[in-house]
Amino acid sequence: LFRFFDILKPPPIRYFDARLKHGFGVMFDDILAAC
């Protein structure tokens, strides 16, 4: 499930992945995939 959501990046993961970069952005989108 984690790999599925991390790869697919459903909303809002894709939104944040596209807008947040650098350290926090790298870490944050995976926390959303974890959720």
Full PDB file with SEQRES, HELIX, SHEET, SSBOND, CRYST1, ORIGX, SCALE, CONECT and MASTER records, all heavy atoms in Angstrom:
SEQRES   1 A   35  LEU PHE ARG PHE PHE ASP ILE LEU LYS PRO PRO PRO ILE          
SEQRES   2 A   35  ARG TYR PHE ASP ALA ARG LEU LYS HIS GLY PHE GLY VAL          
SEQRES   3 A   35  MET PHE ASP ASP ILE LEU ALA ALA CYS                          
HELIX    1 AA1 PHE A    2  LEU A    8  1                                   7    
HELIX    2 AA2 ILE A   13  ARG A   19  1                                   7    
HELIX    3 AA3 HIS A   22  ALA A   34  1                                  13    
CRYST1    1.000    1.000    1.000  90.00  90.00  90.00 P 1           1          
ORIGX1      1.000000  0.000000  0.000000        0.00000                         
ORIGX2      0.000000  1.000000  0.000000        0.00000                         
ORIGX3      0.000000  0.000000  1.000000        0.00000                         
SCALE1      1.000000  0.000000  0.000000        0.00000                         
SCALE2      0.000000  1.000000  0.000000        0.00000                         
SCALE3      0.000000  0.000000  1.000000        0.00000                         
ATOM      1  N   LEU A   1       0.829  -1.209   0.000  1.00  0.00           N  
ATOM      2  CA  LEU A   1       0.000   0.000   0.000  1.00  0.00           C  
ATOM      3  C   LEU A   1       0.862   1.258   0.000  1.00  0.00           C  
ATOM      4  O   LEU A   1       0.586   2.202  -0.742  1.00  0.00           O  
ATOM      5  CB  LEU A   1      -0.937   0.005   1.213  1.00  0.00           C  
ATOM      6  CG  LEU A   1      -2.104  -0.965   1.136  1.00  0.00           C  
ATOM      7  CD1 LEU A   1      -2.757  -1.126   2.506  1.00  0.00           C  
ATOM      8  CD2 LEU A   1      -3.116  -0.503   0.094  1.00  0.00           C  
ATOM      9  N   PHE A   2       1.894   1.268   0.817  1.00  0.00           N  
ATOM     10  CA  PHE A   2       2.755   2.451   0.870  1.00  0.00           C  
ATOM     11  C   PHE A   2       3.427   2.697  -0.481  1.00  0.00           C  
ATOM     12  O   PHE A   2       3.446   3.822  -0.974  1.00  0.00           O  
ATOM     13  CB  PHE A   2       3.806   2.323   1.978  1.00  0.00           C  
ATOM     14  CG  PHE A   2       4.747   3.487   1.995  1.00  0.00           C  
ATOM     15  CD1 PHE A   2       4.316   4.740   2.417  1.00  0.00           C  
ATOM     16  CD2 PHE A   2       6.051   3.353   1.554  1.00  0.00           C  
ATOM     17  CE1 PHE A   2       5.174   5.831   2.402  1.00  0.00           C  
ATOM     18  CE2 PHE A   2       6.913   4.434   1.539  1.00  0.00           C  
ATOM     19  CZ  PHE A   2       6.479   5.677   1.968  1.00  0.00           C  
ATOM     20  N   ARG A   3       3.968   1.661  -1.086  1.00  0.00           N  
ATOM     21  CA  ARG A   3       4.617   1.834  -2.388  1.00  0.00           C  
ATOM     22  C   ARG A   3       3.587   2.298  -3.423  1.00  0.00           C  
ATOM     23  O   ARG A   3       3.871   3.157  -4.251  1.00  0.00           O  
ATOM     24  CB  ARG A   3       5.301   0.546  -2.861  1.00  0.00           C  
ATOM     25  CG  ARG A   3       6.512   0.157  -2.062  1.00  0.00           C  
ATOM     26  CD  ARG A   3       7.566   1.261  -1.901  1.00  0.00           C  
ATOM     27  NE  ARG A   3       8.007   1.773  -3.181  1.00  0.00           N  
ATOM     28  CZ  ARG A   3       8.235   3.060  -3.442  1.00  0.00           C  
ATOM     29  NH1 ARG A   3       8.091   3.977  -2.510  1.00  0.00           N  
ATOM     30  NH2 ARG A   3       8.627   3.438  -4.642  1.00  0.00           N  
ATOM     31  N   PHE A   4       2.376   1.739  -3.383  1.00  0.00           N  
ATOM     32  CA  PHE A   4       1.318   2.129  -4.311  1.00  0.00           C  
ATOM     33  C   PHE A   4       1.020   3.623  -4.203  1.00  0.00           C  
ATOM     34  O   PHE A   4       1.019   4.345  -5.205  1.00  0.00           O  
ATOM     35  CB  PHE A   4       0.061   1.298  -4.038  1.00  0.00           C  
ATOM     36  CG  PHE A   4      -1.131   1.719  -4.842  1.00  0.00           C  
ATOM     37  CD1 PHE A   4      -1.237   1.358  -6.183  1.00  0.00           C  
ATOM     38  CD2 PHE A   4      -2.142   2.466  -4.269  1.00  0.00           C  
ATOM     39  CE1 PHE A   4      -2.341   1.751  -6.941  1.00  0.00           C  
ATOM     40  CE2 PHE A   4      -3.252   2.856  -5.010  1.00  0.00           C  
ATOM     41  CZ  PHE A   4      -3.347   2.498  -6.351  1.00  0.00           C  
ATOM     42  N   PHE A   5       0.780   4.088  -2.981  1.00  0.00           N  
ATOM     43  CA  PHE A   5       0.431   5.501  -2.801  1.00  0.00           C  
ATOM     44  C   PHE A   5       1.621   6.422  -3.036  1.00  0.00           C  
ATOM     45  O   PHE A   5       1.450   7.540  -3.528  1.00  0.00           O  
ATOM     46  CB  PHE A   5      -0.175   5.740  -1.418  1.00  0.00           C  
ATOM     47  CG  PHE A   5      -1.545   5.143  -1.265  1.00  0.00           C  
ATOM     48  CD1 PHE A   5      -1.795   4.188  -0.294  1.00  0.00           C  
ATOM     49  CD2 PHE A   5      -2.579   5.527  -2.104  1.00  0.00           C  
ATOM     50  CE1 PHE A   5      -3.059   3.631  -0.155  1.00  0.00           C  
ATOM     51  CE2 PHE A   5      -3.850   4.982  -1.978  1.00  0.00           C  
ATOM     52  CZ  PHE A   5      -4.086   4.030  -1.002  1.00  0.00           C  
ATOM     53  N   ASP A   6       2.821   5.965  -2.711  1.00  0.00           N  
ATOM     54  CA  ASP A   6       4.007   6.790  -2.948  1.00  0.00           C  
ATOM     55  C   ASP A   6       4.276   6.951  -4.445  1.00  0.00           C  
ATOM     56  O   ASP A   6       4.690   8.017  -4.886  1.00  0.00           O  
ATOM     57  CB  ASP A   6       5.228   6.175  -2.253  1.00  0.00           C  
ATOM     58  CG  ASP A   6       6.431   7.087  -2.259  1.00  0.00           C  
ATOM     59  OD1 ASP A   6       6.255   8.324  -2.210  1.00  0.00           O  
ATOM     60  OD2 ASP A   6       7.564   6.577  -2.326  1.00  0.00           O  
ATOM     61  N   ILE A   7       4.019   5.926  -5.213  1.00  0.00           N  
ATOM     62  CA  ILE A   7       4.235   5.989  -6.670  1.00  0.00           C  
ATOM     63  C   ILE A   7       3.081   6.717  -7.357  1.00  0.00           C  
ATOM     64  O   ILE A   7       3.294   7.605  -8.183  1.00  0.00           O  
ATOM     65  CB  ILE A   7       4.411   4.571  -7.246  1.00  0.00           C  
ATOM     66  CG1 ILE A   7       5.720   3.956  -6.743  1.00  0.00           C  
ATOM     67  CG2 ILE A   7       4.371   4.590  -8.773  1.00  0.00           C  
ATOM     68  CD1 ILE A   7       5.840   2.466  -6.968  1.00  0.00           C  
ATOM     69  N   LEU A   8       1.839   6.363  -7.017  1.00  0.00           N  
ATOM     70  CA  LEU A   8       0.660   6.948  -7.660  1.00  0.00           C  
ATOM     71  C   LEU A   8       0.494   8.434  -7.326  1.00  0.00           C  
ATOM     72  O   LEU A   8       0.079   9.219  -8.179  1.00  0.00           O  
ATOM     73  CB  LEU A   8      -0.595   6.168  -7.257  1.00  0.00           C  
ATOM     74  CG  LEU A   8      -1.897   6.590  -7.892  1.00  0.00           C  
ATOM     75  CD1 LEU A   8      -1.868   6.358  -9.401  1.00  0.00           C  
ATOM     76  CD2 LEU A   8      -3.063   5.852  -7.269  1.00  0.00           C  
ATOM     77  N   LYS A   9       0.781   8.795  -6.091  1.00  0.00           N  
ATOM     78  CA  LYS A   9       0.647  10.174  -5.606  1.00  0.00           C  
ATOM     79  C   LYS A   9      -0.747  10.756  -5.870  1.00  0.00           C  
ATOM     80  O   LYS A   9      -0.902  11.732  -6.597  1.00  0.00           O  
ATOM     81  CB  LYS A   9       1.721  11.078  -6.208  1.00  0.00           C  
ATOM     82  CG  LYS A   9       3.131  10.674  -5.817  1.00  0.00           C  
ATOM     83  CD  LYS A   9       4.142  11.702  -6.200  1.00  0.00           C  
ATOM     84  CE  LYS A   9       5.566  11.279  -5.948  1.00  0.00           C  
ATOM     85  NZ  LYS A   9       5.871  10.605  -4.724  1.00  0.00           N  
ATOM     86  N   PRO A  10      -1.780  10.160  -5.260  1.00  0.00           N  
ATOM     87  CA  PRO A  10      -3.125  10.723  -5.433  1.00  0.00           C  
ATOM     88  C   PRO A  10      -3.216  12.091  -4.753  1.00  0.00           C  
ATOM     89  O   PRO A  10      -2.407  12.407  -3.878  1.00  0.00           O  
ATOM     90  CB  PRO A  10      -4.022   9.696  -4.733  1.00  0.00           C  
ATOM     91  CG  PRO A  10      -3.141   9.030  -3.737  1.00  0.00           C  
ATOM     92  CD  PRO A  10      -1.764   9.018  -4.341  1.00  0.00           C  
ATOM     93  N   PRO A  11      -4.218  12.883  -5.133  1.00  0.00           N  
ATOM     94  CA  PRO A  11      -4.374  14.199  -4.501  1.00  0.00           C  
ATOM     95  C   PRO A  11      -4.551  14.039  -2.986  1.00  0.00           C  
ATOM     96  O   PRO A  11      -5.213  13.099  -2.561  1.00  0.00           O  
ATOM     97  CB  PRO A  11      -5.642  14.758  -5.136  1.00  0.00           C  
ATOM     98  CG  PRO A  11      -5.797  13.997  -6.410  1.00  0.00           C  
ATOM     99  CD  PRO A  11      -5.205  12.645  -6.164  1.00  0.00           C  
ATOM    100  N   PRO A  12      -4.000  14.885  -2.197  1.00  0.00           N  
ATOM    101  CA  PRO A  12      -3.215  16.075  -2.507  1.00  0.00           C  
ATOM    102  C   PRO A  12      -1.706  15.811  -2.592  1.00  0.00           C  
ATOM    103  O   PRO A  12      -0.929  16.758  -2.651  1.00  0.00           O  
ATOM    104  CB  PRO A  12      -3.524  17.006  -1.337  1.00  0.00           C  
ATOM    105  CG  PRO A  12      -3.640  16.067  -0.169  1.00  0.00           C  
ATOM    106  CD  PRO A  12      -4.302  14.825  -0.744  1.00  0.00           C  
ATOM    107  N   ILE A  13      -1.293  14.538  -2.577  1.00  0.00           N  
ATOM    108  CA  ILE A  13       0.147  14.247  -2.580  1.00  0.00           C  
ATOM    109  C   ILE A  13       0.818  14.867  -3.803  1.00  0.00           C  
ATOM    110  O   ILE A  13       1.852  15.531  -3.681  1.00  0.00           O  
ATOM    111  CB  ILE A  13       0.415  12.728  -2.525  1.00  0.00           C  
ATOM    112  CG1 ILE A  13      -0.163  12.123  -1.245  1.00  0.00           C  
ATOM    113  CG2 ILE A  13       1.914  12.459  -2.611  1.00  0.00           C  
ATOM    114  CD1 ILE A  13      -0.117  10.606  -1.203  1.00  0.00           C  
ATOM    115  N   ARG A  14       0.246  14.661  -4.982  1.00  0.00           N  
ATOM    116  CA  ARG A  14       0.843  15.192  -6.208  1.00  0.00           C  
ATOM    117  C   ARG A  14       0.933  16.723  -6.160  1.00  0.00           C  
ATOM    118  O   ARG A  14       1.912  17.310  -6.611  1.00  0.00           O  
ATOM    119  CB  ARG A  14       0.038  14.752  -7.433  1.00  0.00           C  
ATOM    120  CG  ARG A  14       0.673  15.110  -8.764  1.00  0.00           C  
ATOM    121  CD  ARG A  14      -0.084  14.529  -9.933  1.00  0.00           C  
ATOM    122  NE  ARG A  14      -0.272  13.096  -9.848  1.00  0.00           N  
ATOM    123  CZ  ARG A  14       0.610  12.192 -10.268  1.00  0.00           C  
ATOM    124  NH1 ARG A  14       1.726  12.579 -10.800  1.00  0.00           N  
ATOM    125  NH2 ARG A  14       0.356  10.904 -10.172  1.00  0.00           N  
ATOM    126  N   TYR A  15      -0.076  17.363  -5.602  1.00  0.00           N  
ATOM    127  CA  TYR A  15      -0.076  18.822  -5.462  1.00  0.00           C  
ATOM    128  C   TYR A  15       1.132  19.288  -4.647  1.00  0.00           C  
ATOM    129  O   TYR A  15       1.876  20.170  -5.051  1.00  0.00           O  
ATOM    130  CB  TYR A  15      -1.380  19.278  -4.798  1.00  0.00           C  
ATOM    131  CG  TYR A  15      -1.403  20.746  -4.453  1.00  0.00           C  
ATOM    132  CD1 TYR A  15      -1.773  21.694  -5.401  1.00  0.00           C  
ATOM    133  CD2 TYR A  15      -1.048  21.181  -3.183  1.00  0.00           C  
ATOM    134  CE1 TYR A  15      -1.782  23.042  -5.087  1.00  0.00           C  
ATOM    135  CE2 TYR A  15      -1.062  22.531  -2.863  1.00  0.00           C  
ATOM    136  CZ  TYR A  15      -1.430  23.456  -3.817  1.00  0.00           C  
ATOM    137  OH  TYR A  15      -1.437  24.789  -3.510  1.00  0.00           O  
ATOM    138  N   PHE A  16       1.310  18.674  -3.466  1.00  0.00           N  
ATOM    139  CA  PHE A  16       2.415  19.077  -2.601  1.00  0.00           C  
ATOM    140  C   PHE A  16       3.761  18.663  -3.176  1.00  0.00           C  
ATOM    141  O   PHE A  16       4.753  19.380  -3.036  1.00  0.00           O  
ATOM    142  CB  PHE A  16       2.230  18.526  -1.189  1.00  0.00           C  
ATOM    143  CG  PHE A  16       1.135  19.216  -0.436  1.00  0.00           C  
ATOM    144  CD1 PHE A  16      -0.039  18.548  -0.118  1.00  0.00           C  
ATOM    145  CD2 PHE A  16       1.268  20.545  -0.057  1.00  0.00           C  
ATOM    146  CE1 PHE A  16      -1.050  19.185   0.569  1.00  0.00           C  
ATOM    147  CE2 PHE A  16       0.254  21.194   0.633  1.00  0.00           C  
ATOM    148  CZ  PHE A  16      -0.907  20.513   0.943  1.00  0.00           C  
ATOM    149  N   ASP A  17       3.808  17.512  -3.829  1.00  0.00           N  
ATOM    150  CA  ASP A  17       5.056  17.056  -4.444  1.00  0.00           C  
ATOM    151  C   ASP A  17       5.527  18.036  -5.514  1.00  0.00           C  
ATOM    152  O   ASP A  17       6.720  18.279  -5.655  1.00  0.00           O  
ATOM    153  CB  ASP A  17       4.859  15.657  -5.047  1.00  0.00           C  
ATOM    154  CG  ASP A  17       6.145  15.085  -5.610  1.00  0.00           C  
ATOM    155  OD1 ASP A  17       7.149  15.025  -4.867  1.00  0.00           O  
ATOM    156  OD2 ASP A  17       6.155  14.703  -6.796  1.00  0.00           O  
ATOM    157  N   ALA A  18       4.592  18.613  -6.239  1.00  0.00           N  
ATOM    158  CA  ALA A  18       4.939  19.553  -7.310  1.00  0.00           C  
ATOM    159  C   ALA A  18       5.341  20.928  -6.755  1.00  0.00           C  
ATOM    160  O   ALA A  18       6.106  21.643  -7.395  1.00  0.00           O  
ATOM    161  CB  ALA A  18       3.765  19.712  -8.275  1.00  0.00           C  
ATOM    162  N   ARG A  19       4.849  21.281  -5.582  1.00  0.00           N  
ATOM    163  CA  ARG A  19       5.074  22.627  -5.076  1.00  0.00           C  
ATOM    164  C   ARG A  19       6.116  22.726  -3.963  1.00  0.00           C  
ATOM    165  O   ARG A  19       6.754  23.761  -3.809  1.00  0.00           O  
ATOM    166  CB  ARG A  19       3.753  23.216  -4.598  1.00  0.00           C  
ATOM    167  CG  ARG A  19       2.910  23.629  -5.800  1.00  0.00           C  
ATOM    168  CD  ARG A  19       1.464  23.803  -5.464  1.00  0.00           C  
ATOM    169  NE  ARG A  19       0.673  24.146  -6.630  1.00  0.00           N  
ATOM    170  CZ  ARG A  19       0.269  23.277  -7.555  1.00  0.00           C  
ATOM    171  NH1 ARG A  19       0.618  22.015  -7.475  1.00  0.00           N  
ATOM    172  NH2 ARG A  19      -0.463  23.680  -8.584  1.00  0.00           N  
ATOM    173  N   LEU A  20       6.250  21.694  -3.178  1.00  0.00           N  
ATOM    174  CA  LEU A  20       7.213  21.720  -2.078  1.00  0.00           C  
ATOM    175  C   LEU A  20       8.464  20.954  -2.487  1.00  0.00           C  
ATOM    176  O   LEU A  20       8.388  19.771  -2.797  1.00  0.00           O  
ATOM    177  CB  LEU A  20       6.621  21.086  -0.823  1.00  0.00           C  
ATOM    178  CG  LEU A  20       5.400  21.759  -0.220  1.00  0.00           C  
ATOM    179  CD1 LEU A  20       4.896  20.948   0.964  1.00  0.00           C  
ATOM    180  CD2 LEU A  20       5.724  23.178   0.209  1.00  0.00           C  
ATOM    181  N   LYS A  21       9.568  21.622  -2.482  1.00  0.00           N  
ATOM    182  CA  LYS A  21      10.836  20.972  -2.834  1.00  0.00           C  
ATOM    183  C   LYS A  21      11.792  21.086  -1.658  1.00  0.00           C  
ATOM    184  O   LYS A  21      11.436  21.548  -0.586  1.00  0.00           O  
ATOM    185  CB  LYS A  21      11.450  21.629  -4.090  1.00  0.00           C  
ATOM    186  CG  LYS A  21      10.596  21.474  -5.320  1.00  0.00           C  
ATOM    187  CD  LYS A  21      10.486  20.023  -5.724  1.00  0.00           C  
ATOM    188  CE  LYS A  21       9.544  19.834  -6.897  1.00  0.00           C  
ATOM    189  NZ  LYS A  21       9.136  18.474  -7.084  1.00  0.00           N  
ATOM    190  N   HIS A  22      12.982  20.703  -1.879  1.00  0.00           N  
ATOM    191  CA  HIS A  22      14.033  20.721  -0.869  1.00  0.00           C  
ATOM    192  C   HIS A  22      13.671  19.759   0.256  1.00  0.00           C  
ATOM    193  O   HIS A  22      12.830  18.878   0.077  1.00  0.00           O  
ATOM    194  CB  HIS A  22      14.323  22.145  -0.400  1.00  0.00           C  
ATOM    195  CG  HIS A  22      14.624  23.070  -1.550  1.00  0.00           C  
ATOM    196  ND1 HIS A  22      15.805  22.994  -2.263  1.00  0.00           N  
ATOM    197  CD2 HIS A  22      13.901  24.037  -2.137  1.00  0.00           C  
ATOM    198  CE1 HIS A  22      15.788  23.886  -3.219  1.00  0.00           C  
ATOM    199  NE2 HIS A  22      14.643  24.535  -3.176  1.00  0.00           N  
ATOM    200  N   GLY A  23      14.312  19.873   1.371  1.00  0.00           N  
ATOM    201  CA  GLY A  23      14.190  18.882   2.423  1.00  0.00           C  
ATOM    202  C   GLY A  23      12.785  18.602   2.905  1.00  0.00           C  
ATOM    203  O   GLY A  23      12.346  17.454   2.940  1.00  0.00           O  
ATOM    204  N   PHE A  24      12.060  19.644   3.284  1.00  0.00           N  
ATOM    205  CA  PHE A  24      10.706  19.427   3.810  1.00  0.00           C  
ATOM    206  C   PHE A  24       9.801  18.816   2.750  1.00  0.00           C  
ATOM    207  O   PHE A  24       9.039  17.879   3.040  1.00  0.00           O  
ATOM    208  CB  PHE A  24      10.102  20.731   4.341  1.00  0.00           C  
ATOM    209  CG  PHE A  24       8.726  20.540   4.903  1.00  0.00           C  
ATOM    210  CD1 PHE A  24       8.551  19.976   6.151  1.00  0.00           C  
ATOM    211  CD2 PHE A  24       7.609  20.906   4.164  1.00  0.00           C  
ATOM    212  CE1 PHE A  24       7.282  19.771   6.669  1.00  0.00           C  
ATOM    213  CE2 PHE A  24       6.327  20.715   4.681  1.00  0.00           C  
ATOM    214  CZ  PHE A  24       6.168  20.144   5.934  1.00  0.00           C  
ATOM    215  N   GLY A  25       9.865  19.298   1.533  1.00  0.00           N  
ATOM    216  CA  GLY A  25       9.031  18.762   0.463  1.00  0.00           C  
ATOM    217  C   GLY A  25       9.329  17.306   0.168  1.00  0.00           C  
ATOM    218  O   GLY A  25       8.419  16.507  -0.073  1.00  0.00           O  
ATOM    219  N   VAL A  26      10.616  16.961   0.195  1.00  0.00           N  
ATOM    220  CA  VAL A  26      11.015  15.565  -0.030  1.00  0.00           C  
ATOM    221  C   VAL A  26      10.368  14.669   1.015  1.00  0.00           C  
ATOM    222  O   VAL A  26       9.825  13.604   0.698  1.00  0.00           O  
ATOM    223  CB  VAL A  26      12.560  15.424   0.016  1.00  0.00           C  
ATOM    224  CG1 VAL A  26      12.985  13.967   0.046  1.00  0.00           C  
ATOM    225  CG2 VAL A  26      13.204  16.138  -1.164  1.00  0.00           C  
ATOM    226  N   MET A  27      10.410  15.093   2.269  1.00  0.00           N  
ATOM    227  CA  MET A  27       9.903  14.271   3.366  1.00  0.00           C  
ATOM    228  C   MET A  27       8.372  14.289   3.462  1.00  0.00           C  
ATOM    229  O   MET A  27       7.758  13.264   3.764  1.00  0.00           O  
ATOM    230  CB  MET A  27      10.507  14.753   4.691  1.00  0.00           C  
ATOM    231  CG  MET A  27      12.018  14.680   4.790  1.00  0.00           C  
ATOM    232  SD  MET A  27      12.699  13.016   4.803  1.00  0.00           S  
ATOM    233  CE  MET A  27      12.087  12.387   6.355  1.00  0.00           C  
ATOM    234  N   PHE A  28       7.756  15.437   3.198  1.00  0.00           N  
ATOM    235  CA  PHE A  28       6.331  15.612   3.450  1.00  0.00           C  
ATOM    236  C   PHE A  28       5.439  14.756   2.557  1.00  0.00           C  
ATOM    237  O   PHE A  28       4.462  14.171   3.030  1.00  0.00           O  
ATOM    238  CB  PHE A  28       5.959  17.093   3.316  1.00  0.00           C  
ATOM    239  CG  PHE A  28       4.531  17.392   3.655  1.00  0.00           C  
ATOM    240  CD1 PHE A  28       4.075  17.262   4.954  1.00  0.00           C  
ATOM    241  CD2 PHE A  28       3.637  17.802   2.676  1.00  0.00           C  
ATOM    242  CE1 PHE A  28       2.750  17.541   5.281  1.00  0.00           C  
ATOM    243  CE2 PHE A  28       2.312  18.079   2.988  1.00  0.00           C  
ATOM    244  CZ  PHE A  28       1.873  17.942   4.294  1.00  0.00           C  
ATOM    245  N   ASP A  29       5.742  14.657   1.273  1.00  0.00           N  
ATOM    246  CA  ASP A  29       4.854  13.896   0.397  1.00  0.00           C  
ATOM    247  C   ASP A  29       4.814  12.420   0.783  1.00  0.00           C  
ATOM    248  O   ASP A  29       3.786  11.758   0.626  1.00  0.00           O  
ATOM    249  CB  ASP A  29       5.195  14.105  -1.085  1.00  0.00           C  
ATOM    250  CG  ASP A  29       6.449  13.404  -1.529  1.00  0.00           C  
ATOM    251  OD1 ASP A  29       7.508  13.683  -0.950  1.00  0.00           O  
ATOM    252  OD2 ASP A  29       6.368  12.596  -2.471  1.00  0.00           O  
ATOM    253  N   ASP A  30       5.895  11.908   1.345  1.00  0.00           N  
ATOM    254  CA  ASP A  30       5.881  10.506   1.777  1.00  0.00           C  
ATOM    255  C   ASP A  30       5.080  10.328   3.062  1.00  0.00           C  
ATOM    256  O   ASP A  30       4.476   9.271   3.265  1.00  0.00           O  
ATOM    257  CB  ASP A  30       7.308   9.998   1.939  1.00  0.00           C  
ATOM    258  CG  ASP A  30       7.949   9.731   0.592  1.00  0.00           C  
ATOM    259  OD1 ASP A  30       8.323  10.691  -0.094  1.00  0.00           O  
ATOM    260  OD2 ASP A  30       8.033   8.559   0.210  1.00  0.00           O  
ATOM    261  N   ILE A  31       5.050  11.338   3.902  1.00  0.00           N  
ATOM    262  CA  ILE A  31       4.190  11.273   5.091  1.00  0.00           C  
ATOM    263  C   ILE A  31       2.723  11.226   4.656  1.00  0.00           C  
ATOM    264  O   ILE A  31       1.915  10.493   5.235  1.00  0.00           O  
ATOM    265  CB  ILE A  31       4.464  12.456   6.041  1.00  0.00           C  
ATOM    266  CG1 ILE A  31       5.881  12.385   6.604  1.00  0.00           C  
ATOM    267  CG2 ILE A  31       3.423  12.532   7.146  1.00  0.00           C  
ATOM    268  CD1 ILE A  31       6.186  11.153   7.454  1.00  0.00           C  
ATOM    269  N   LEU A  32       2.392  11.971   3.614  1.00  0.00           N  
ATOM    270  CA  LEU A  32       1.018  11.908   3.088  1.00  0.00           C  
ATOM    271  C   LEU A  32       0.713  10.525   2.520  1.00  0.00           C  
ATOM    272  O   LEU A  32      -0.385   9.991   2.723  1.00  0.00           O  
ATOM    273  CB  LEU A  32       0.804  12.988   2.031  1.00  0.00           C  
ATOM    274  CG  LEU A  32       0.821  14.428   2.532  1.00  0.00           C  
ATOM    275  CD1 LEU A  32       0.685  15.400   1.371  1.00  0.00           C  
ATOM    276  CD2 LEU A  32      -0.266  14.664   3.576  1.00  0.00           C  
ATOM    277  N   ALA A  33       1.675   9.931   1.814  1.00  0.00           N  
ATOM    278  CA  ALA A  33       1.487   8.560   1.306  1.00  0.00           C  
ATOM    279  C   ALA A  33       1.318   7.590   2.473  1.00  0.00           C  
ATOM    280  O   ALA A  33       0.518   6.644   2.396  1.00  0.00           O  
ATOM    281  CB  ALA A  33       2.666   8.147   0.426  1.00  0.00           C  
ATOM    282  N   ALA A  34       2.021   7.832   3.562  1.00  0.00           N  
ATOM    283  CA  ALA A  34       1.859   7.010   4.760  1.00  0.00           C  
ATOM    284  C   ALA A  34       0.448   7.147   5.327  1.00  0.00           C  
ATOM    285  O   ALA A  34      -0.152   6.160   5.763  1.00  0.00           O  
ATOM    286  CB  ALA A  34       2.901   7.396   5.809  1.00  0.00           C  
ATOM    287  N   CYS A  35      -0.099   8.362   5.301  1.00  0.00           N  
ATOM    288  CA  CYS A  35      -1.465   8.584   5.798  1.00  0.00           C  
ATOM    289  C   CYS A  35      -2.486   7.800   4.975  1.00  0.00           C  
ATOM    290  O   CYS A  35      -3.399   7.173   5.530  1.00  0.00           O  
ATOM    291  CB  CYS A  35      -1.799  10.070   5.806  1.00  0.00           C  
ATOM    292  SG  CYS A  35      -0.859  11.016   7.029  1.00  0.00           S  
TER     293      CYS A  35                                                      
MASTER        0    0    0    3    0    0    0    6  292    1    0    3          
END                                                                             
